[in-house]
Amino acid sequence: MCIALPMQVIEVGEAFAWCDDRGQRTQVDMRLIEPAPVGAWLLVFHGVARECIDAQRAAEVARAIEGVEAAMRGDAVLEHHFADLIGREPELPEFLRPAAAPKEASNG
């Protein structure tokens, strides 16, 4: 499974940042995104920052990861890990939504 992890910037370097990865200090390559200040949240995949996110989104992703880990352990109660998904219809990201059909010109 490929999944990006939320990490918080704790120190900024030239082309990298040191981040807190669930209590571990991890060096993250920052060359794919704009510089992020100390305290910023990042989504990190294979040691590379892919996106700067807000604290709420970081918490949602962290809960989802904990939910996957809980499911792998065989835990039966998982709803609290995915509270942001319960009671709503899933939405496709904008780039996956079908393009609107062009309007036909009226003849008359």
PDB file of N, CA and C in Angstrom:
ATOM      1  N   MET A   1       0.839  -1.165   0.000  1.00  0.00           N
ATOM      2  CA  MET A   1       0.000   0.000   0.000  1.00  0.00           C
ATOM      3  C   MET A   1       0.891   1.237   0.000  1.00  0.00           C
ATOM      4  N   CYS A   2       0.560   2.202  -0.805  1.00  0.00           N
ATOM      5  CA  CYS A   2       1.294   3.462  -0.861  1.00  0.00           C
ATOM      6  C   CYS A   2       0.469   4.520  -0.143  1.00  0.00           C
ATOM      7  N   ILE A   3       1.069   5.144   0.832  1.00  0.00           N
ATOM      8  CA  ILE A   3       0.336   6.145   1.599  1.00  0.00           C
ATOM      9  C   ILE A   3       1.305   7.238   2.047  1.00  0.00           C
ATOM     10  N   ALA A   4       0.874   8.466   1.948  1.00  0.00           N
ATOM     11  CA  ALA A   4       1.680   9.590   2.415  1.00  0.00           C
ATOM     12  C   ALA A   4       1.401   9.797   3.899  1.00  0.00           C
ATOM     13  N   LEU A   5       2.444  10.138   4.635  1.00  0.00           N
ATOM     14  CA  LEU A   5       2.340  10.312   6.080  1.00  0.00           C
ATOM     15  C   LEU A   5       2.368  11.791   6.444  1.00  0.00           C
ATOM     16  N   PRO A   6       1.544  12.197   7.406  1.00  0.00           N
ATOM     17  CA  PRO A   6       1.621  13.581   7.866  1.00  0.00           C
ATOM     18  C   PRO A   6       2.800  13.750   8.815  1.00  0.00           C
ATOM     19  N   MET A   7       3.594  14.785   8.581  1.00  0.00           N
ATOM     20  CA  MET A   7       4.730  15.091   9.440  1.00  0.00           C
ATOM     21  C   MET A   7       4.772  16.593   9.662  1.00  0.00           C
ATOM     22  N   GLN A   8       5.238  16.992  10.852  1.00  0.00           N
ATOM     23  CA  GLN A   8       5.329  18.414  11.175  1.00  0.00           C
ATOM     24  C   GLN A   8       6.784  18.867  11.130  1.00  0.00           C
ATOM     25  N   VAL A   9       7.010  19.998  10.464  1.00  0.00           N
ATOM     26  CA  VAL A   9       8.352  20.561  10.323  1.00  0.00           C
ATOM     27  C   VAL A   9       8.836  21.049  11.687  1.00  0.00           C
ATOM     28  N   ILE A  10      10.052  20.606  12.079  1.00  0.00           N
ATOM     29  CA  ILE A  10      10.641  21.061  13.342  1.00  0.00           C
ATOM     30  C   ILE A  10      11.929  21.859  13.132  1.00  0.00           C
ATOM     31  N   GLU A  11      12.513  21.732  11.932  1.00  0.00           N
ATOM     32  CA  GLU A  11      13.719  22.492  11.605  1.00  0.00           C
ATOM     33  C   GLU A  11      13.826  22.582  10.090  1.00  0.00           C
ATOM     34  N   VAL A  12      14.211  23.746   9.586  1.00  0.00           N
ATOM     35  CA  VAL A  12      14.288  23.960   8.140  1.00  0.00           C
ATOM     36  C   VAL A  12      15.744  24.020   7.705  1.00  0.00           C
ATOM     37  N   GLY A  13      16.056  23.310   6.606  1.00  0.00           N
ATOM     38  CA  GLY A  13      17.385  23.345   6.012  1.00  0.00           C
ATOM     39  C   GLY A  13      17.312  23.928   4.613  1.00  0.00           C
ATOM     40  N   GLU A  14      18.390  23.783   3.854  1.00  0.00           N
ATOM     41  CA  GLU A  14      18.470  24.339   2.497  1.00  0.00           C
ATOM     42  C   GLU A  14      17.449  23.702   1.554  1.00  0.00           C
ATOM     43  N   ALA A  15      17.553  22.407   1.308  1.00  0.00           N
ATOM     44  CA  ALA A  15      16.629  21.703   0.406  1.00  0.00           C
ATOM     45  C   ALA A  15      15.897  20.585   1.144  1.00  0.00           C
ATOM     46  N   PHE A  16      15.948  20.645   2.471  1.00  0.00           N
ATOM     47  CA  PHE A  16      15.299  19.614   3.268  1.00  0.00           C
ATOM     48  C   PHE A  16      14.726  20.243   4.523  1.00  0.00           C
ATOM     49  N   ALA A  17      13.959  19.469   5.247  1.00  0.00           N
ATOM     50  CA  ALA A  17      13.460  19.882   6.561  1.00  0.00           C
ATOM     51  C   ALA A  17      13.555  18.673   7.476  1.00  0.00           C
ATOM     52  N   TRP A  18      13.772  18.934   8.743  1.00  0.00           N
ATOM     53  CA  TRP A  18      13.664  17.886   9.737  1.00  0.00           C
ATOM     54  C   TRP A  18      12.235  17.921  10.246  1.00  0.00           C
ATOM     55  N   CYS A  19      11.616  16.743  10.282  1.00  0.00           N
ATOM     56  CA  CYS A  19      10.210  16.663  10.655  1.00  0.00           C
ATOM     57  C   CYS A  19      10.001  15.664  11.779  1.00  0.00           C
ATOM     58  N   ASP A  20       8.910  15.879  12.519  1.00  0.00           N
ATOM     59  CA  ASP A  20       8.482  14.936  13.548  1.00  0.00           C
ATOM     60  C   ASP A  20       7.560  13.928  12.881  1.00  0.00           C
ATOM     61  N   ASP A  21       7.994  12.684  12.855  1.00  0.00           N
ATOM     62  CA  ASP A  21       7.217  11.578  12.291  1.00  0.00           C
ATOM     63  C   ASP A  21       6.829  10.656  13.438  1.00  0.00           C
ATOM     64  N   ARG A  22       5.730  10.994  14.114  1.00  0.00           N
ATOM     65  CA  ARG A  22       5.228  10.221  15.263  1.00  0.00           C
ATOM     66  C   ARG A  22       6.324   9.967  16.294  1.00  0.00           C
ATOM     67  N   GLY A  23       7.013  11.057  16.656  1.00  0.00           N
ATOM     68  CA  GLY A  23       8.026  10.972  17.691  1.00  0.00           C
ATOM     69  C   GLY A  23       9.433  10.700  17.187  1.00  0.00           C
ATOM     70  N   GLN A  24       9.594  10.428  15.908  1.00  0.00           N
ATOM     71  CA  GLN A  24      10.911  10.193  15.319  1.00  0.00           C
ATOM     72  C   GLN A  24      11.316  11.410  14.488  1.00  0.00           C
ATOM     73  N   ARG A  25      12.574  11.791  14.591  1.00  0.00           N
ATOM     74  CA  ARG A  25      13.107  12.903  13.794  1.00  0.00           C
ATOM     75  C   ARG A  25      13.489  12.342  12.424  1.00  0.00           C
ATOM     76  N   THR A  26      12.891  12.889  11.372  1.00  0.00           N
ATOM     77  CA  THR A  26      13.074  12.377  10.012  1.00  0.00           C
ATOM     78  C   THR A  26      13.448  13.512   9.069  1.00  0.00           C
ATOM     79  N   GLN A  27      14.457  13.270   8.227  1.00  0.00           N
ATOM     80  CA  GLN A  27      14.839  14.262   7.220  1.00  0.00           C
ATOM     81  C   GLN A  27      13.947  14.093   5.989  1.00  0.00           C
ATOM     82  N   VAL A  28      13.371  15.206   5.519  1.00  0.00           N
ATOM     83  CA  VAL A  28      12.434  15.192   4.403  1.00  0.00           C
ATOM     84  C   VAL A  28      12.943  16.100   3.292  1.00  0.00           C
ATOM     85  N   ASP A  29      12.976  15.576   2.085  1.00  0.00           N
ATOM     86  CA  ASP A  29      13.362  16.337   0.894  1.00  0.00           C
ATOM     87  C   ASP A  29      12.242  17.324   0.575  1.00  0.00           C
ATOM     88  N   MET A  30      12.571  18.602   0.449  1.00  0.00           N
ATOM     89  CA  MET A  30      11.570  19.657   0.234  1.00  0.00           C
ATOM     90  C   MET A  30      11.589  20.217  -1.183  1.00  0.00           C
ATOM     91  N   ARG A  31      12.332  19.617  -2.098  1.00  0.00           N
ATOM     92  CA  ARG A  31      12.526  20.205  -3.420  1.00  0.00           C
ATOM     93  C   ARG A  31      11.302  20.182  -4.328  1.00  0.00           C
ATOM     94  N   LEU A  32      10.268  19.413  -3.996  1.00  0.00           N
ATOM     95  CA  LEU A  32       9.069  19.372  -4.852  1.00  0.00           C
ATOM     96  C   LEU A  32       8.001  20.389  -4.464  1.00  0.00           C
ATOM     97  N   ILE A  33       8.151  21.013  -3.296  1.00  0.00           N
ATOM     98  CA  ILE A  33       7.142  21.979  -2.849  1.00  0.00           C
ATOM     99  C   ILE A  33       7.818  23.279  -2.430  1.00  0.00           C
ATOM    100  N   GLU A  34       7.003  24.289  -2.199  1.00  0.00           N
ATOM    101  CA  GLU A  34       7.509  25.577  -1.707  1.00  0.00           C
ATOM    102  C   GLU A  34       8.077  25.389  -0.297  1.00  0.00           C
ATOM    103  N   PRO A  35       9.026  26.224   0.096  1.00  0.00           N
ATOM    104  CA  PRO A  35       9.559  26.122   1.465  1.00  0.00           C
ATOM    105  C   PRO A  35       8.432  26.225   2.498  1.00  0.00           C
ATOM    106  N   ALA A  36       8.565  25.444   3.564  1.00  0.00           N
ATOM    107  CA  ALA A  36       7.563  25.439   4.628  1.00  0.00           C
ATOM    108  C   ALA A  36       8.236  25.839   5.935  1.00  0.00           C
ATOM    109  N   PRO A  37       7.575  26.666   6.736  1.00  0.00           N
ATOM    110  CA  PRO A  37       8.175  27.124   7.994  1.00  0.00           C
ATOM    111  C   PRO A  37       8.075  26.054   9.093  1.00  0.00           C
ATOM    112  N   VAL A  38       8.824  26.250  10.156  1.00  0.00           N
ATOM    113  CA  VAL A  38       8.711  25.392  11.329  1.00  0.00           C
ATOM    114  C   VAL A  38       7.258  25.419  11.805  1.00  0.00           C
ATOM    115  N   GLY A  39       6.731  24.266  12.115  1.00  0.00           N
ATOM    116  CA  GLY A  39       5.349  24.148  12.564  1.00  0.00           C
ATOM    117  C   GLY A  39       4.387  23.730  11.469  1.00  0.00           C
ATOM    118  N   ALA A  40       4.796  23.869  10.203  1.00  0.00           N
ATOM    119  CA  ALA A  40       3.923  23.497   9.077  1.00  0.00           C
ATOM    120  C   ALA A  40       3.755  21.976   9.037  1.00  0.00           C
ATOM    121  N   TRP A  41       2.638  21.536   8.486  1.00  0.00           N
ATOM    122  CA  TRP A  41       2.353  20.114   8.297  1.00  0.00           C
ATOM    123  C   TRP A  41       2.555  19.749   6.839  1.00  0.00           C
ATOM    124  N   LEU A  42       3.160  18.591   6.616  1.00  0.00           N
ATOM    125  CA  LEU A  42       3.433  18.103   5.270  1.00  0.00           C
ATOM    126  C   LEU A  42       2.868  16.706   5.105  1.00  0.00           C
ATOM    127  N   LEU A  43       2.511  16.360   3.862  1.00  0.00           N
ATOM    128  CA  LEU A  43       2.270  14.964   3.506  1.00  0.00           C
ATOM    129  C   LEU A  43       3.553  14.489   2.849  1.00  0.00           C
ATOM    130  N   VAL A  44       4.129  13.412   3.391  1.00  0.00           N
ATOM    131  CA  VAL A  44       5.442  12.932   2.972  1.00  0.00           C
ATOM    132  C   VAL A  44       5.319  11.498   2.464  1.00  0.00           C
ATOM    133  N   PHE A  45       5.886  11.260   1.299  1.00  0.00           N
ATOM    134  CA  PHE A  45       5.880   9.928   0.689  1.00  0.00           C
ATOM    135  C   PHE A  45       7.309   9.551   0.346  1.00  0.00           C
ATOM    136  N   HIS A  46       7.782   8.448   0.905  1.00  0.00           N
ATOM    137  CA  HIS A  46       9.158   7.975   0.669  1.00  0.00           C
ATOM    138  C   HIS A  46      10.198   9.064   0.914  1.00  0.00           C
ATOM    139  N   GLY A  47      10.020   9.823   1.997  1.00  0.00           N
ATOM    140  CA  GLY A  47      11.009  10.820   2.376  1.00  0.00           C
ATOM    141  C   GLY A  47      10.954  12.121   1.613  1.00  0.00           C
ATOM    142  N   VAL A  48       9.938  12.300   0.768  1.00  0.00           N
ATOM    143  CA  VAL A  48       9.813  13.511  -0.044  1.00  0.00           C
ATOM    144  C   VAL A  48       8.492  14.202   0.279  1.00  0.00           C
ATOM    145  N   ALA A  49       8.553  15.487   0.599  1.00  0.00           N
ATOM    146  CA  ALA A  49       7.337  16.266   0.848  1.00  0.00           C
ATOM    147  C   ALA A  49       6.573  16.421  -0.462  1.00  0.00           C
ATOM    148  N   ARG A  50       5.304  16.072  -0.438  1.00  0.00           N
ATOM    149  CA  ARG A  50       4.463  16.171  -1.639  1.00  0.00           C
ATOM    150  C   ARG A  50       3.472  17.320  -1.577  1.00  0.00           C
ATOM    151  N   GLU A  51       3.115  17.716  -0.348  1.00  0.00           N
ATOM    152  CA  GLU A  51       2.074  18.738  -0.195  1.00  0.00           C
ATOM    153  C   GLU A  51       2.142  19.322   1.208  1.00  0.00           C
ATOM    154  N   CYS A  52       1.884  20.612   1.318  1.00  0.00           N
ATOM    155  CA  CYS A  52       1.735  21.265   2.609  1.00  0.00           C
ATOM    156  C   CYS A  52       0.242  21.237   2.950  1.00  0.00           C
ATOM    157  N   ILE A  53      -0.104  20.797   4.153  1.00  0.00           N
ATOM    158  CA  ILE A  53      -1.506  20.658   4.553  1.00  0.00           C
ATOM    159  C   ILE A  53      -1.740  21.381   5.874  1.00  0.00           C
ATOM    160  N   ASP A  54      -3.013  21.566   6.239  1.00  0.00           N
ATOM    161  CA  ASP A  54      -3.304  22.200   7.520  1.00  0.00           C
ATOM    162  C   ASP A  54      -3.364  21.136   8.628  1.00  0.00           C
ATOM    163  N   ALA A  55      -3.390  21.587   9.866  1.00  0.00           N
ATOM    164  CA  ALA A  55      -3.357  20.688  11.020  1.00  0.00           C
ATOM    165  C   ALA A  55      -4.571  19.753  11.050  1.00  0.00           C
ATOM    166  N   GLN A  56      -5.736  20.253  10.626  1.00  0.00           N
ATOM    167  CA  GLN A  56      -6.935  19.406  10.622  1.00  0.00           C
ATOM    168  C   GLN A  56      -6.770  18.248   9.648  1.00  0.00           C
ATOM    169  N   ARG A  57      -6.289  18.526   8.456  1.00  0.00           N
ATOM    170  CA  ARG A  57      -6.072  17.465   7.461  1.00  0.00           C
ATOM    171  C   ARG A  57      -5.010  16.477   7.955  1.00  0.00           C
ATOM    172  N   ALA A  58      -3.955  16.980   8.592  1.00  0.00           N
ATOM    173  CA  ALA A  58      -2.919  16.101   9.145  1.00  0.00           C
ATOM    174  C   ALA A  58      -3.520  15.151  10.178  1.00  0.00           C
ATOM    175  N   ALA A  59      -4.400  15.670  11.028  1.00  0.00           N
ATOM    176  CA  ALA A  59      -5.036  14.836  12.053  1.00  0.00           C
ATOM    177  C   ALA A  59      -5.945  13.785  11.413  1.00  0.00           C
ATOM    178  N   GLU A  60      -6.683  14.156  10.365  1.00  0.00           N
ATOM    179  CA  GLU A  60      -7.550  13.197   9.667  1.00  0.00           C
ATOM    180  C   GLU A  60      -6.738  12.066   9.054  1.00  0.00           C
ATOM    181  N   VAL A  61      -5.632  12.409   8.406  1.00  0.00           N
ATOM    182  CA  VAL A  61      -4.780  11.392   7.783  1.00  0.00           C
ATOM    183  C   VAL A  61      -4.173  10.493   8.854  1.00  0.00           C
ATOM    184  N   ALA A  62      -3.705  11.092   9.958  1.00  0.00           N
ATOM    185  CA  ALA A  62      -3.122  10.300  11.046  1.00  0.00           C
ATOM    186  C   ALA A  62      -4.146   9.328  11.619  1.00  0.00           C
ATOM    187  N   ARG A  63      -5.396   9.788  11.810  1.00  0.00           N
ATOM    188  CA  ARG A  63      -6.452   8.887  12.322  1.00  0.00           C
ATOM    189  C   ARG A  63      -6.729   7.755  11.339  1.00  0.00           C
ATOM    190  N   ALA A  64      -6.733   8.069  10.053  1.00  0.00           N
ATOM    191  CA  ALA A  64      -6.974   7.032   9.043  1.00  0.00           C
ATOM    192  C   ALA A  64      -5.849   5.990   9.053  1.00  0.00           C
ATOM    193  N   ILE A  65      -4.611   6.440   9.187  1.00  0.00           N
ATOM    194  CA  ILE A  65      -3.477   5.513   9.255  1.00  0.00           C
ATOM    195  C   ILE A  65      -3.605   4.633  10.497  1.00  0.00           C
ATOM    196  N   GLU A  66      -3.963   5.252  11.619  1.00  0.00           N
ATOM    197  CA  GLU A  66      -4.186   4.468  12.844  1.00  0.00           C
ATOM    198  C   GLU A  66      -5.304   3.455  12.633  1.00  0.00           C
ATOM    199  N   GLY A  67      -6.332   3.835  11.866  1.00  0.00           N
ATOM    200  CA  GLY A  67      -7.434   2.921  11.567  1.00  0.00           C
ATOM    201  C   GLY A  67      -6.981   1.726  10.742  1.00  0.00           C
ATOM    202  N   VAL A  68      -6.141   1.965   9.757  1.00  0.00           N
ATOM    203  CA  VAL A  68      -5.602   0.870   8.937  1.00  0.00           C
ATOM    204  C   VAL A  68      -4.760  -0.051   9.806  1.00  0.00           C
ATOM    205  N   GLU A  69      -3.928   0.536  10.667  1.00  0.00           N
ATOM    206  CA  GLU A  69      -3.109  -0.283  11.571  1.00  0.00           C
ATOM    207  C   GLU A  69      -3.988  -1.100  12.512  1.00  0.00           C
ATOM    208  N   ALA A  70      -5.071  -0.493  13.013  1.00  0.00           N
ATOM    209  CA  ALA A  70      -5.996  -1.199  13.893  1.00  0.00           C
ATOM    210  C   ALA A  70      -6.679  -2.353  13.153  1.00  0.00           C
ATOM    211  N   ALA A  71      -7.081  -2.121  11.911  1.00  0.00           N
ATOM    212  CA  ALA A  71      -7.709  -3.181  11.115  1.00  0.00           C
ATOM    213  C   ALA A  71      -6.734  -4.336  10.885  1.00  0.00           C
ATOM    214  N   MET A  72      -5.476  -4.003  10.654  1.00  0.00           N
ATOM    215  CA  MET A  72      -4.465  -5.042  10.441  1.00  0.00           C
ATOM    216  C   MET A  72      -4.226  -5.866  11.714  1.00  0.00           C
ATOM    217  N   ARG A  73      -4.456  -5.248  12.880  1.00  0.00           N
ATOM    218  CA  ARG A  73      -4.340  -5.977  14.150  1.00  0.00           C
ATOM    219  C   ARG A  73      -5.581  -6.812  14.434  1.00  0.00           C
ATOM    220  N   GLY A  74      -6.654  -6.578  13.664  1.00  0.00           N
ATOM    221  CA  GLY A  74      -7.897  -7.315  13.870  1.00  0.00           C
ATOM    222  C   GLY A  74      -8.891  -6.617  14.769  1.00  0.00           C
ATOM    223  N   ASP A  75      -8.657  -5.343  15.092  1.00  0.00           N
ATOM    224  CA  ASP A  75      -9.615  -4.597  15.917  1.00  0.00           C
ATOM    225  C   ASP A  75     -10.953  -4.522  15.207  1.00  0.00           C
ATOM    226  N   ALA A  76     -12.034  -4.639  15.971  1.00  0.00           N
ATOM    227  CA  ALA A  76     -13.369  -4.662  15.381  1.00  0.00           C
ATOM    228  C   ALA A  76     -13.998  -3.273  15.279  1.00  0.00           C
ATOM    229  N   VAL A  77     -13.647  -2.364  16.157  1.00  0.00           N
ATOM    230  CA  VAL A  77     -14.266  -1.040  16.187  1.00  0.00           C
ATOM    231  C   VAL A  77     -13.311  -0.042  15.530  1.00  0.00           C
ATOM    232  N   LEU A  78     -13.727   0.470  14.374  1.00  0.00           N
ATOM    233  CA  LEU A  78     -12.850   1.354  13.605  1.00  0.00           C
ATOM    234  C   LEU A  78     -13.472   2.708  13.291  1.00  0.00           C
ATOM    235  N   GLU A  79     -14.749   2.896  13.608  1.00  0.00           N
ATOM    236  CA  GLU A  79     -15.457   4.102  13.175  1.00  0.00           C
ATOM    237  C   GLU A  79     -14.782   5.392  13.611  1.00  0.00           C
ATOM    238  N   HIS A  80     -14.243   5.442  14.834  1.00  0.00           N
ATOM    239  CA  HIS A  80     -13.656   6.693  15.326  1.00  0.00           C
ATOM    240  C   HIS A  80     -12.406   7.089  14.537  1.00  0.00           C
ATOM    241  N   HIS A  81     -11.807   6.151  13.827  1.00  0.00           N
ATOM    242  CA  HIS A  81     -10.648   6.476  13.001  1.00  0.00           C
ATOM    243  C   HIS A  81     -11.052   7.174  11.701  1.00  0.00           C
ATOM    244  N   PHE A  82     -12.303   6.986  11.305  1.00  0.00           N
ATOM    245  CA  PHE A  82     -12.770   7.506  10.022  1.00  0.00           C
ATOM    246  C   PHE A  82     -13.999   8.397  10.191  1.00  0.00           C
ATOM    247  N   ALA A  83     -14.049   9.139  11.293  1.00  0.00           N
ATOM    248  CA  ALA A  83     -15.219   9.965  11.604  1.00  0.00           C
ATOM    249  C   ALA A  83     -15.521  10.982  10.507  1.00  0.00           C
ATOM    250  N   ASP A  84     -14.494  11.465   9.807  1.00  0.00           N
ATOM    251  CA  ASP A  84     -14.708  12.463   8.756  1.00  0.00           C
ATOM    252  C   ASP A  84     -15.383  11.860   7.529  1.00  0.00           C
ATOM    253  N   LEU A  85     -15.464  10.538   7.429  1.00  0.00           N
ATOM    254  CA  LEU A  85     -16.085   9.883   6.273  1.00  0.00           C
ATOM    255  C   LEU A  85     -17.504   9.393   6.546  1.00  0.00           C
ATOM    256  N   ILE A  86     -17.855   9.281   7.821  1.00  0.00           N
ATOM    257  CA  ILE A  86     -19.163   8.739   8.195  1.00  0.00           C
ATOM    258  C   ILE A  86     -20.246   9.787   7.973  1.00  0.00           C
ATOM    259  N   GLY A  87     -21.349   9.372   7.363  1.00  0.00           N
ATOM    260  CA  GLY A  87     -22.490  10.248   7.180  1.00  0.00           C
ATOM    261  C   GLY A  87     -22.389  11.194   6.000  1.00  0.00           C
ATOM    262  N   ARG A  88     -21.516  10.901   5.058  1.00  0.00           N
ATOM    263  CA  ARG A  88     -21.447  11.746   3.865  1.00  0.00           C
ATOM    264  C   ARG A  88     -21.148  10.892   2.650  1.00  0.00           C
ATOM    265  N   GLU A  89     -21.534  11.392   1.527  1.00  0.00           N
ATOM    266  CA  GLU A  89     -21.272  10.710   0.268  1.00  0.00           C
ATOM    267  C   GLU A  89     -19.841  11.010  -0.172  1.00  0.00           C
ATOM    268  N   PRO A  90     -19.152  10.025  -0.688  1.00  0.00           N
ATOM    269  CA  PRO A  90     -17.796  10.301  -1.177  1.00  0.00           C
ATOM    270  C   PRO A  90     -17.838  11.221  -2.395  1.00  0.00           C
ATOM    271  N   GLU A  91     -16.811  12.046  -2.554  1.00  0.00           N
ATOM    272  CA  GLU A  91     -16.729  12.964  -3.683  1.00  0.00           C
ATOM    273  C   GLU A  91     -15.448  12.694  -4.456  1.00  0.00           C
ATOM    274  N   LEU A  92     -15.562  12.713  -5.769  1.00  0.00           N
ATOM    275  CA  LEU A  92     -14.373  12.587  -6.601  1.00  0.00           C
ATOM    276  C   LEU A  92     -13.579  13.882  -6.552  1.00  0.00           C
ATOM    277  N   PRO A  93     -12.256  13.793  -6.578  1.00  0.00           N
ATOM    278  CA  PRO A  93     -11.473  15.028  -6.692  1.00  0.00           C
ATOM    279  C   PRO A  93     -11.815  15.725  -8.011  1.00  0.00           C
ATOM    280  N   GLU A  94     -11.651  17.015  -8.044  1.00  0.00           N
ATOM    281  CA  GLU A  94     -12.000  17.824  -9.220  1.00  0.00           C
ATOM    282  C   GLU A  94     -11.414  17.258 -10.505  1.00  0.00           C
ATOM    283  N   PHE A  95     -10.140  16.825 -10.469  1.00  0.00           N
ATOM    284  CA  PHE A  95      -9.483  16.363 -11.694  1.00  0.00           C
ATOM    285  C   PHE A  95     -10.024  15.027 -12.201  1.00  0.00           C
ATOM    286  N   LEU A  96     -10.814  14.312 -11.397  1.00  0.00           N
ATOM    287  CA  LEU A  96     -11.411  13.046 -11.842  1.00  0.00           C
ATOM    288  C   LEU A  96     -12.874  13.175 -12.247  1.00  0.00           C
ATOM    289  N   ARG A  97     -13.446  14.349 -12.022  1.00  0.00           N
ATOM    290  CA  ARG A  97     -14.859  14.556 -12.366  1.00  0.00           C
ATOM    291  C   ARG A  97     -15.008  14.691 -13.875  1.00  0.00           C
ATOM    292  N   PRO A  98     -16.113  14.157 -14.423  1.00  0.00           N
ATOM    293  CA  PRO A  98     -16.308  14.285 -15.874  1.00  0.00           C
ATOM    294  C   PRO A  98     -16.482  15.747 -16.268  1.00  0.00           C
ATOM    295  N   ALA A  99     -15.973  16.062 -17.436  1.00  0.00           N
ATOM    296  CA  ALA A  99     -16.105  17.423 -17.951  1.00  0.00           C
ATOM    297  C   ALA A  99     -17.572  17.683 -18.301  1.00  0.00           C
ATOM    298  N   ALA A 100     -18.022  18.906 -18.077  1.00  0.00           N
ATOM    299  CA  ALA A 100     -19.395  19.273 -18.422  1.00  0.00           C
ATOM    300  C   ALA A 100     -19.545  19.230 -19.942  1.00  0.00           C
ATOM    301  N   ALA A 101     -20.678  18.715 -20.383  1.00  0.00           N
ATOM    302  CA  ALA A 101     -20.941  18.649 -21.826  1.00  0.00           C
ATOM    303  C   ALA A 101     -21.145  20.060 -22.353  1.00  0.00           C
ATOM    304  N   PRO A 102     -20.593  20.362 -23.529  1.00  0.00           N
ATOM    305  CA  PRO A 102     -20.790  21.711 -24.099  1.00  0.00           C
ATOM    306  C   PRO A 102     -22.268  21.934 -24.438  1.00  0.00           C
ATOM    307  N   LYS A 103     -22.723  23.156 -24.239  1.00  0.00           N
ATOM    308  CA  LYS A 103     -24.112  23.496 -24.554  1.00  0.00           C
ATOM    309  C   LYS A 103     -24.259  23.599 -26.064  1.00  0.00           C
ATOM    310  N   GLU A 104     -25.395  23.073 -26.563  1.00  0.00           N
ATOM    311  CA  GLU A 104     -25.662  23.158 -28.003  1.00  0.00           C
ATOM    312  C   GLU A 104     -26.224  24.538 -28.328  1.00  0.00           C
ATOM    313  N   ALA A 105     -25.827  25.054 -29.478  1.00  0.00           N
ATOM    314  CA  ALA A 105     -26.333  26.350 -29.928  1.00  0.00           C
ATOM    315  C   ALA A 105     -27.785  26.196 -30.338  1.00  0.00           C
ATOM    316  N   SER A 106     -28.612  27.134 -29.941  1.00  0.00           N
ATOM    317  CA  SER A 106     -30.035  27.050 -30.311  1.00  0.00           C
ATOM    318  C   SER A 106     -30.230  27.592 -31.728  1.00  0.00           C
ATOM    319  N   ASN A 107     -31.119  26.952 -32.468  1.00  0.00           N
ATOM    320  CA  ASN A 107     -31.406  27.348 -33.863  1.00  0.00           C
ATOM    321  C   ASN A 107     -32.765  27.993 -33.948  1.00  0.00           C
ATOM    322  N   GLY A 108     -32.964  29.009 -33.311  1.00  0.00           N
ATOM    323  CA  GLY A 108     -34.248  29.584 -33.566  1.00  0.00           C
ATOM    324  C   GLY A 108     -34.759  30.422 -32.558  1.00  0.00           C
TER     325      GLY A 108
END
